[in-house]
All heavy atoms as atom14 arrays in JSON, in Angstrom:
{
  "sequence": "LRLSCAASGRAFSAYAMGWFRQAPGKEREFVAAI",
  "atom14_mask": [
    [1, 1, 1, 1, 1, 1, 1, 1, 0, 0, 0, 0, 0, 0],
    [1, 1, 1, 1, 1, 1, 1, 1, 1, 1, 1, 0, 0, 0],
    [1, 1, 1, 1, 1, 1, 1, 1, 0, 0, 0, 0, 0, 0],
    [1, 1, 1, 1, 1, 1, 0, 0, 0, 0, 0, 0, 0, 0],
    [1, 1, 1, 1, 1, 1, 0, 0, 0, 0, 0, 0, 0, 0],
    [1, 1, 1, 1, 1, 0, 0, 0, 0, 0, 0, 0, 0, 0],
    [1, 1, 1, 1, 1, 0, 0, 0, 0, 0, 0, 0, 0, 0],
    [1, 1, 1, 1, 1, 1, 0, 0, 0, 0, 0, 0, 0, 0],
    [1, 1, 1, 1, 0, 0, 0, 0, 0, 0, 0, 0, 0, 0],
    [1, 1, 1, 1, 1, 1, 1, 1, 1, 1, 1, 0, 0, 0],
    [1, 1, 1, 1, 1, 0, 0, 0, 0, 0, 0, 0, 0, 0],
    [1, 1, 1, 1, 1, 1, 1, 1, 1, 1, 1, 0, 0, 0],
    [1, 1, 1, 1, 1, 1, 0, 0, 0, 0, 0, 0, 0, 0],
    [1, 1, 1, 1, 1, 0, 0, 0, 0, 0, 0, 0, 0, 0],
    [1, 1, 1, 1, 1, 1, 1, 1, 1, 1, 1, 1, 0, 0],
    [1, 1, 1, 1, 1, 0, 0, 0, 0, 0, 0, 0, 0, 0],
    [1, 1, 1, 1, 1, 1, 1, 1, 0, 0, 0, 0, 0, 0],
    [1, 1, 1, 1, 0, 0, 0, 0, 0, 0, 0, 0, 0, 0],
    [1, 1, 1, 1, 1, 1, 1, 1, 1, 1, 1, 1, 1, 1],
    [1, 1, 1, 1, 1, 1, 1, 1, 1, 1, 1, 0, 0, 0],
    [1, 1, 1, 1, 1, 1, 1, 1, 1, 1, 1, 0, 0, 0],
    [1, 1, 1, 1, 1, 1, 1, 1, 1, 0, 0, 0, 0, 0],
    [1, 1, 1, 1, 1, 0, 0, 0, 0, 0, 0, 0, 0, 0],
    [1, 1, 1, 1, 1, 1, 1, 0, 0, 0, 0, 0, 0, 0],
    [1, 1, 1, 1, 0, 0, 0, 0, 0, 0, 0, 0, 0, 0],
    [1, 1, 1, 1, 1, 1, 1, 1, 1, 0, 0, 0, 0, 0],
    [1, 1, 1, 1, 1, 1, 1, 1, 1, 0, 0, 0, 0, 0],
    [1, 1, 1, 1, 1, 1, 1, 1, 1, 1, 1, 0, 0, 0],
    [1, 1, 1, 1, 1, 1, 1, 1, 1, 0, 0, 0, 0, 0],
    [1, 1, 1, 1, 1, 1, 1, 1, 1, 1, 1, 0, 0, 0],
    [1, 1, 1, 1, 1, 1, 1, 0, 0, 0, 0, 0, 0, 0],
    [1, 1, 1, 1, 1, 0, 0, 0, 0, 0, 0, 0, 0, 0],
    [1, 1, 1, 1, 1, 0, 0, 0, 0, 0, 0, 0, 0, 0],
    [1, 1, 1, 1, 1, 1, 1, 1, 0, 0, 0, 0, 0, 0]
  ],
  "atom14_positions": [
    [[-164.18, 20.31, 59.32], [-162.76, 20.67, 59.29], [-162.35, 21.16, 60.66], [-163.18, 21.68, 61.42], [-162.48, 21.78, 58.28], [-162.46, 21.46, 56.79], [-162.33, 22.76, 56.01], [-161.32, 20.51, 56.45], [0.0, 0.0, 0.0], [0.0, 0.0, 0.0], [0.0, 0.0, 0.0], [0.0, 0.0, 0.0], [0.0, 0.0, 0.0], [0.0, 0.0, 0.0]],
    [[-161.08, 21.02, 60.98], [-160.52, 21.63, 62.17], [-159.38, 22.54, 61.76], [-158.39, 22.09, 61.19], [-160.02, 20.59, 63.17], [-159.6, 21.24, 64.5], [-159.08, 20.25, 65.51], [-157.75, 19.76, 65.17], [-156.96, 19.11, 66.0], [-157.36, 18.85, 67.25], [-155.77, 18.68, 65.6], [0.0, 0.0, 0.0], [0.0, 0.0, 0.0], [0.0, 0.0, 0.0]],
    [[-159.53, 23.82, 62.05], [-158.49, 24.79, 61.81], [-157.61, 24.92, 63.04], [-158.09, 24.85, 64.17], [-159.08, 26.15, 61.46], [-160.09, 26.2, 60.31], [-160.51, 27.65, 60.04], [-159.52, 25.56, 59.06], [0.0, 0.0, 0.0], [0.0, 0.0, 0.0], [0.0, 0.0, 0.0], [0.0, 0.0, 0.0], [0.0, 0.0, 0.0], [0.0, 0.0, 0.0]],
    [[-156.33, 25.12, 62.82], [-155.39, 25.31, 63.91], [-154.73, 26.67, 63.81], [-154.54, 27.2, 62.72], [-154.31, 24.21, 63.89], [-154.87, 22.94, 64.09], [0.0, 0.0, 0.0], [0.0, 0.0, 0.0], [0.0, 0.0, 0.0], [0.0, 0.0, 0.0], [0.0, 0.0, 0.0], [0.0, 0.0, 0.0], [0.0, 0.0, 0.0], [0.0, 0.0, 0.0]],
    [[-154.36, 27.21, 64.94], [-153.66, 28.49, 65.02], [-152.48, 28.31, 65.95], [-152.64, 28.25, 67.17], [-154.61, 29.58, 65.53], [-153.84, 31.2, 65.75], [0.0, 0.0, 0.0], [0.0, 0.0, 0.0], [0.0, 0.0, 0.0], [0.0, 0.0, 0.0], [0.0, 0.0, 0.0], [0.0, 0.0, 0.0], [0.0, 0.0, 0.0], [0.0, 0.0, 0.0]],
    [[-151.3, 28.19, 65.37], [-150.09, 28.0, 66.15], [-149.49, 29.35, 66.51], [-149.27, 30.19, 65.64], [-149.09, 27.16, 65.36], [0.0, 0.0, 0.0], [0.0, 0.0, 0.0], [0.0, 0.0, 0.0], [0.0, 0.0, 0.0], [0.0, 0.0, 0.0], [0.0, 0.0, 0.0], [0.0, 0.0, 0.0], [0.0, 0.0, 0.0], [0.0, 0.0, 0.0]],
    [[-149.21, 29.55, 67.78], [-148.69, 30.82, 68.28], [-147.25, 30.69, 68.74], [-146.84, 29.66, 69.28], [-149.55, 31.33, 69.43], [0.0, 0.0, 0.0], [0.0, 0.0, 0.0], [0.0, 0.0, 0.0], [0.0, 0.0, 0.0], [0.0, 0.0, 0.0], [0.0, 0.0, 0.0], [0.0, 0.0, 0.0], [0.0, 0.0, 0.0], [0.0, 0.0, 0.0]],
    [[-146.49, 31.73, 68.52], [-145.13, 31.8, 69.02], [-144.83, 33.22, 69.47], [-145.57, 34.15, 69.15], [-144.13, 31.35, 67.95], [-144.18, 32.2, 66.82], [0.0, 0.0, 0.0], [0.0, 0.0, 0.0], [0.0, 0.0, 0.0], [0.0, 0.0, 0.0], [0.0, 0.0, 0.0], [0.0, 0.0, 0.0], [0.0, 0.0, 0.0], [0.0, 0.0, 0.0]],
    [[-143.76, 33.39, 70.21], [-143.42, 34.7, 70.74], [-143.73, 34.78, 72.22], [-143.25, 33.95, 73.0], [0.0, 0.0, 0.0], [0.0, 0.0, 0.0], [0.0, 0.0, 0.0], [0.0, 0.0, 0.0], [0.0, 0.0, 0.0], [0.0, 0.0, 0.0], [0.0, 0.0, 0.0], [0.0, 0.0, 0.0], [0.0, 0.0, 0.0], [0.0, 0.0, 0.0]],
    [[-144.54, 35.75, 72.62], [-144.91, 35.91, 74.01], [-145.82, 34.78, 74.47], [-146.41, 34.08, 73.66], [-145.57, 37.26, 74.24], [-144.67, 38.44, 73.92], [-145.33, 39.76, 74.26], [-144.5, 40.88, 73.86], [-143.53, 41.39, 74.59], [-143.24, 40.88, 75.78], [-142.83, 42.42, 74.13], [0.0, 0.0, 0.0], [0.0, 0.0, 0.0], [0.0, 0.0, 0.0]],
    [[-145.97, 34.65, 75.77], [-146.77, 33.57, 76.34], [-148.19, 33.58, 75.79], [-148.92, 34.55, 75.94], [-146.78, 33.7, 77.86], [0.0, 0.0, 0.0], [0.0, 0.0, 0.0], [0.0, 0.0, 0.0], [0.0, 0.0, 0.0], [0.0, 0.0, 0.0], [0.0, 0.0, 0.0], [0.0, 0.0, 0.0], [0.0, 0.0, 0.0], [0.0, 0.0, 0.0]],
    [[-148.57, 32.48, 75.17], [-149.88, 32.35, 74.57], [-150.99, 32.47, 75.6], [-152.07, 32.98, 75.31], [-149.96, 31.01, 73.83], [-151.24, 30.77, 73.09], [-151.69, 31.66, 72.13], [-152.0, 29.64, 73.34], [-152.87, 31.44, 71.44], [-153.17, 29.39, 72.65], [-153.61, 30.31, 71.7], [0.0, 0.0, 0.0], [0.0, 0.0, 0.0], [0.0, 0.0, 0.0]],
    [[-150.74, 32.02, 76.8], [-151.74, 32.02, 77.85], [-152.17, 33.42, 78.28], [-153.19, 33.58, 78.96], [-151.25, 31.24, 79.07], [-150.08, 31.83, 79.61], [0.0, 0.0, 0.0], [0.0, 0.0, 0.0], [0.0, 0.0, 0.0], [0.0, 0.0, 0.0], [0.0, 0.0, 0.0], [0.0, 0.0, 0.0], [0.0, 0.0, 0.0], [0.0, 0.0, 0.0]],
    [[-151.43, 34.44, 77.9], [-151.76, 35.82, 78.25], [-152.7, 36.48, 77.24], [-153.1, 37.62, 77.45], [-150.49, 36.65, 78.39], [0.0, 0.0, 0.0], [0.0, 0.0, 0.0], [0.0, 0.0, 0.0], [0.0, 0.0, 0.0], [0.0, 0.0, 0.0], [0.0, 0.0, 0.0], [0.0, 0.0, 0.0], [0.0, 0.0, 0.0], [0.0, 0.0, 0.0]],
    [[-153.06, 35.77, 76.18], [-153.82, 36.36, 75.09], [-155.15, 35.66, 74.85], [-155.24, 34.44, 74.86], [-153.01, 36.33, 73.8], [-151.78, 37.18, 73.85], [-150.59, 36.7, 74.39], [-151.8, 38.49, 73.37], [-149.46, 37.5, 74.46], [-150.68, 39.29, 73.42], [-149.51, 38.79, 73.97], [-148.39, 39.59, 74.02], [0.0, 0.0, 0.0], [0.0, 0.0, 0.0]],
    [[-156.18, 36.47, 74.63], [-157.42, 35.96, 74.09], [-157.23, 35.71, 72.59], [-156.4, 36.34, 71.95], [-158.56, 36.95, 74.32], [0.0, 0.0, 0.0], [0.0, 0.0, 0.0], [0.0, 0.0, 0.0], [0.0, 0.0, 0.0], [0.0, 0.0, 0.0], [0.0, 0.0, 0.0], [0.0, 0.0, 0.0], [0.0, 0.0, 0.0], [0.0, 0.0, 0.0]],
    [[-158.02, 34.81, 72.04], [-157.89, 34.46, 70.63], [-159.24, 34.54, 69.94], [-160.26, 34.16, 70.52], [-157.33, 33.04, 70.49], [-157.08, 32.61, 69.06], [-156.61, 30.85, 68.98], [-158.18, 30.09, 69.41], [0.0, 0.0, 0.0], [0.0, 0.0, 0.0], [0.0, 0.0, 0.0], [0.0, 0.0, 0.0], [0.0, 0.0, 0.0], [0.0, 0.0, 0.0]],
    [[-159.23, 35.02, 68.71], [-160.46, 35.08, 67.93], [-160.26, 34.51, 66.55], [-159.14, 34.45, 66.03], [0.0, 0.0, 0.0], [0.0, 0.0, 0.0], [0.0, 0.0, 0.0], [0.0, 0.0, 0.0], [0.0, 0.0, 0.0], [0.0, 0.0, 0.0], [0.0, 0.0, 0.0], [0.0, 0.0, 0.0], [0.0, 0.0, 0.0], [0.0, 0.0, 0.0]],
    [[-161.36, 34.05, 65.96], [-161.39, 33.63, 64.57], [-162.33, 34.55, 63.81], [-163.45, 34.82, 64.25], [-161.87, 32.18, 64.42], [-160.87, 31.15, 64.86], [-160.78, 30.55, 66.07], [-159.83, 30.6, 64.05], [-159.75, 29.66, 66.09], [-159.14, 29.66, 64.85], [-159.4, 30.78, 62.74], [-158.05, 28.92, 64.39], [-158.33, 30.05, 62.28], [-157.67, 29.14, 63.09]],
    [[-161.86, 35.02, 62.67], [-162.63, 35.88, 61.78], [-162.55, 35.3, 60.37], [-161.65, 34.54, 60.06], [-162.09, 37.31, 61.8], [-162.19, 37.98, 63.14], [-161.24, 37.73, 64.13], [-163.23, 38.85, 63.42], [-161.33, 38.34, 65.37], [-163.33, 39.46, 64.66], [-162.38, 39.21, 65.63], [0.0, 0.0, 0.0], [0.0, 0.0, 0.0], [0.0, 0.0, 0.0]],
    [[-163.49, 35.68, 59.53], [-163.45, 35.2, 58.16], [-163.86, 36.32, 57.2], [-164.59, 37.23, 57.55], [-164.36, 33.99, 57.96], [-165.84, 34.27, 58.15], [-166.63, 32.96, 58.14], [-168.06, 33.18, 58.24], [-168.96, 32.22, 58.4], [-168.57, 30.94, 58.47], [-170.25, 32.52, 58.47], [0.0, 0.0, 0.0], [0.0, 0.0, 0.0], [0.0, 0.0, 0.0]],
    [[-163.36, 36.21, 55.98], [-163.66, 37.2, 54.97], [-163.79, 36.53, 53.61], [-162.88, 35.86, 53.14], [-162.57, 38.27, 54.92], [-162.9, 39.45, 54.02], [-161.98, 40.62, 54.26], [-160.88, 40.47, 54.78], [-162.43, 41.81, 53.89], [0.0, 0.0, 0.0], [0.0, 0.0, 0.0], [0.0, 0.0, 0.0], [0.0, 0.0, 0.0], [0.0, 0.0, 0.0]],
    [[-164.94, 36.72, 52.99], [-165.2, 36.22, 51.65], [-164.95, 37.33, 50.64], [-165.03, 38.52, 50.99], [-166.64, 35.71, 51.54], [0.0, 0.0, 0.0], [0.0, 0.0, 0.0], [0.0, 0.0, 0.0], [0.0, 0.0, 0.0], [0.0, 0.0, 0.0], [0.0, 0.0, 0.0], [0.0, 0.0, 0.0], [0.0, 0.0, 0.0], [0.0, 0.0, 0.0]],
    [[-164.65, 36.99, 49.4], [-164.43, 38.03, 48.37], [-165.61, 38.99, 48.27], [-166.76, 38.56, 48.2], [-164.27, 37.21, 47.09], [-163.75, 35.89, 47.56], [-164.46, 35.64, 48.86], [0.0, 0.0, 0.0], [0.0, 0.0, 0.0], [0.0, 0.0, 0.0], [0.0, 0.0, 0.0], [0.0, 0.0, 0.0], [0.0, 0.0, 0.0], [0.0, 0.0, 0.0]],
    [[-165.31, 40.28, 48.3], [-166.35, 41.29, 48.2], [-167.12, 41.54, 49.48], [-168.04, 42.36, 49.49], [0.0, 0.0, 0.0], [0.0, 0.0, 0.0], [0.0, 0.0, 0.0], [0.0, 0.0, 0.0], [0.0, 0.0, 0.0], [0.0, 0.0, 0.0], [0.0, 0.0, 0.0], [0.0, 0.0, 0.0], [0.0, 0.0, 0.0], [0.0, 0.0, 0.0]],
    [[-166.77, 40.86, 50.55], [-167.46, 41.01, 51.83], [-166.51, 41.57, 52.89], [-165.29, 41.47, 52.78], [-168.01, 39.67, 52.31], [-168.97, 38.99, 51.34], [-170.26, 39.77, 51.2], [-171.23, 39.05, 50.27], [-171.67, 37.75, 50.83], [0.0, 0.0, 0.0], [0.0, 0.0, 0.0], [0.0, 0.0, 0.0], [0.0, 0.0, 0.0], [0.0, 0.0, 0.0]],
    [[-167.1, 42.14, 53.94], [-166.3, 42.64, 55.05], [-165.9, 41.49, 55.96], [-166.56, 40.45, 56.01], [-167.09, 43.68, 55.85], [-167.38, 44.96, 55.08], [-168.05, 46.01, 55.94], [-168.37, 45.72, 57.11], [-168.24, 47.13, 55.45], [0.0, 0.0, 0.0], [0.0, 0.0, 0.0], [0.0, 0.0, 0.0], [0.0, 0.0, 0.0], [0.0, 0.0, 0.0]],
    [[-164.81, 41.69, 56.66], [-164.37, 40.69, 57.62], [-165.41, 40.55, 58.73], [-165.87, 41.55, 59.28], [-163.02, 41.08, 58.19], [-162.38, 40.03, 59.08], [-160.95, 40.4, 59.41], [-160.14, 40.51, 58.21], [-158.84, 40.75, 58.22], [-158.19, 40.9, 59.37], [-158.18, 40.84, 57.07], [0.0, 0.0, 0.0], [0.0, 0.0, 0.0], [0.0, 0.0, 0.0]],
    [[-165.76, 39.32, 59.08], [-166.77, 39.11, 60.09], [-166.27, 38.2, 61.21], [-165.44, 37.32, 61.01], [-168.05, 38.53, 59.49], [-167.92, 37.13, 58.93], [-169.25, 36.53, 58.5], [-170.31, 37.02, 58.95], [-169.23, 35.56, 57.72], [0.0, 0.0, 0.0], [0.0, 0.0, 0.0], [0.0, 0.0, 0.0], [0.0, 0.0, 0.0], [0.0, 0.0, 0.0]],
    [[-166.82, 38.43, 62.37], [-166.5, 37.65, 63.56], [-167.07, 36.25, 63.45], [-168.2, 36.05, 63.0], [-167.08, 38.36, 64.79], [-167.04, 37.55, 66.04], [-165.85, 37.33, 66.71], [-168.21, 37.03, 66.58], [-165.81, 36.59, 67.88], [-168.18, 36.3, 67.75], [-166.97, 36.08, 68.4], [0.0, 0.0, 0.0], [0.0, 0.0, 0.0], [0.0, 0.0, 0.0]],
    [[-166.29, 35.27, 63.89], [-166.74, 33.89, 63.91], [-166.84, 33.37, 65.35], [-167.89, 32.91, 65.79], [-165.8, 32.97, 63.1], [-166.23, 31.51, 63.22], [-165.77, 33.4, 61.64], [0.0, 0.0, 0.0], [0.0, 0.0, 0.0], [0.0, 0.0, 0.0], [0.0, 0.0, 0.0], [0.0, 0.0, 0.0], [0.0, 0.0, 0.0], [0.0, 0.0, 0.0]],
    [[-165.74, 33.44, 66.08], [-165.7, 32.93, 67.45], [-164.51, 33.51, 68.18], [-163.54, 33.95, 67.56], [-165.62, 31.4, 67.46], [0.0, 0.0, 0.0], [0.0, 0.0, 0.0], [0.0, 0.0, 0.0], [0.0, 0.0, 0.0], [0.0, 0.0, 0.0], [0.0, 0.0, 0.0], [0.0, 0.0, 0.0], [0.0, 0.0, 0.0], [0.0, 0.0, 0.0]],
    [[-164.57, 33.51, 69.5], [-163.46, 33.99, 70.31], [-163.41, 33.24, 71.62], [-164.42, 32.69, 72.09], [-163.58, 35.5, 70.57], [0.0, 0.0, 0.0], [0.0, 0.0, 0.0], [0.0, 0.0, 0.0], [0.0, 0.0, 0.0], [0.0, 0.0, 0.0], [0.0, 0.0, 0.0], [0.0, 0.0, 0.0], [0.0, 0.0, 0.0], [0.0, 0.0, 0.0]],
    [[-162.24, 33.22, 72.22], [-162.04, 32.52, 73.48], [-161.08, 33.32, 74.35], [-160.11, 33.89, 73.87], [-161.51, 31.08, 73.22], [-161.47, 30.26, 74.51], [-160.14, 31.11, 72.55], [-161.27, 28.78, 74.26], [0.0, 0.0, 0.0], [0.0, 0.0, 0.0], [0.0, 0.0, 0.0], [0.0, 0.0, 0.0], [0.0, 0.0, 0.0], [0.0, 0.0, 0.0]]
  ]
}
């Protein structure tokens, strides 16, 4: 699968981005960042 994250508002290029995931009954966990 390919997930997309569309950004709006302030300049996207000024921000680092991360992906996190959370399963039922579990804590939110880090997946990847750029």
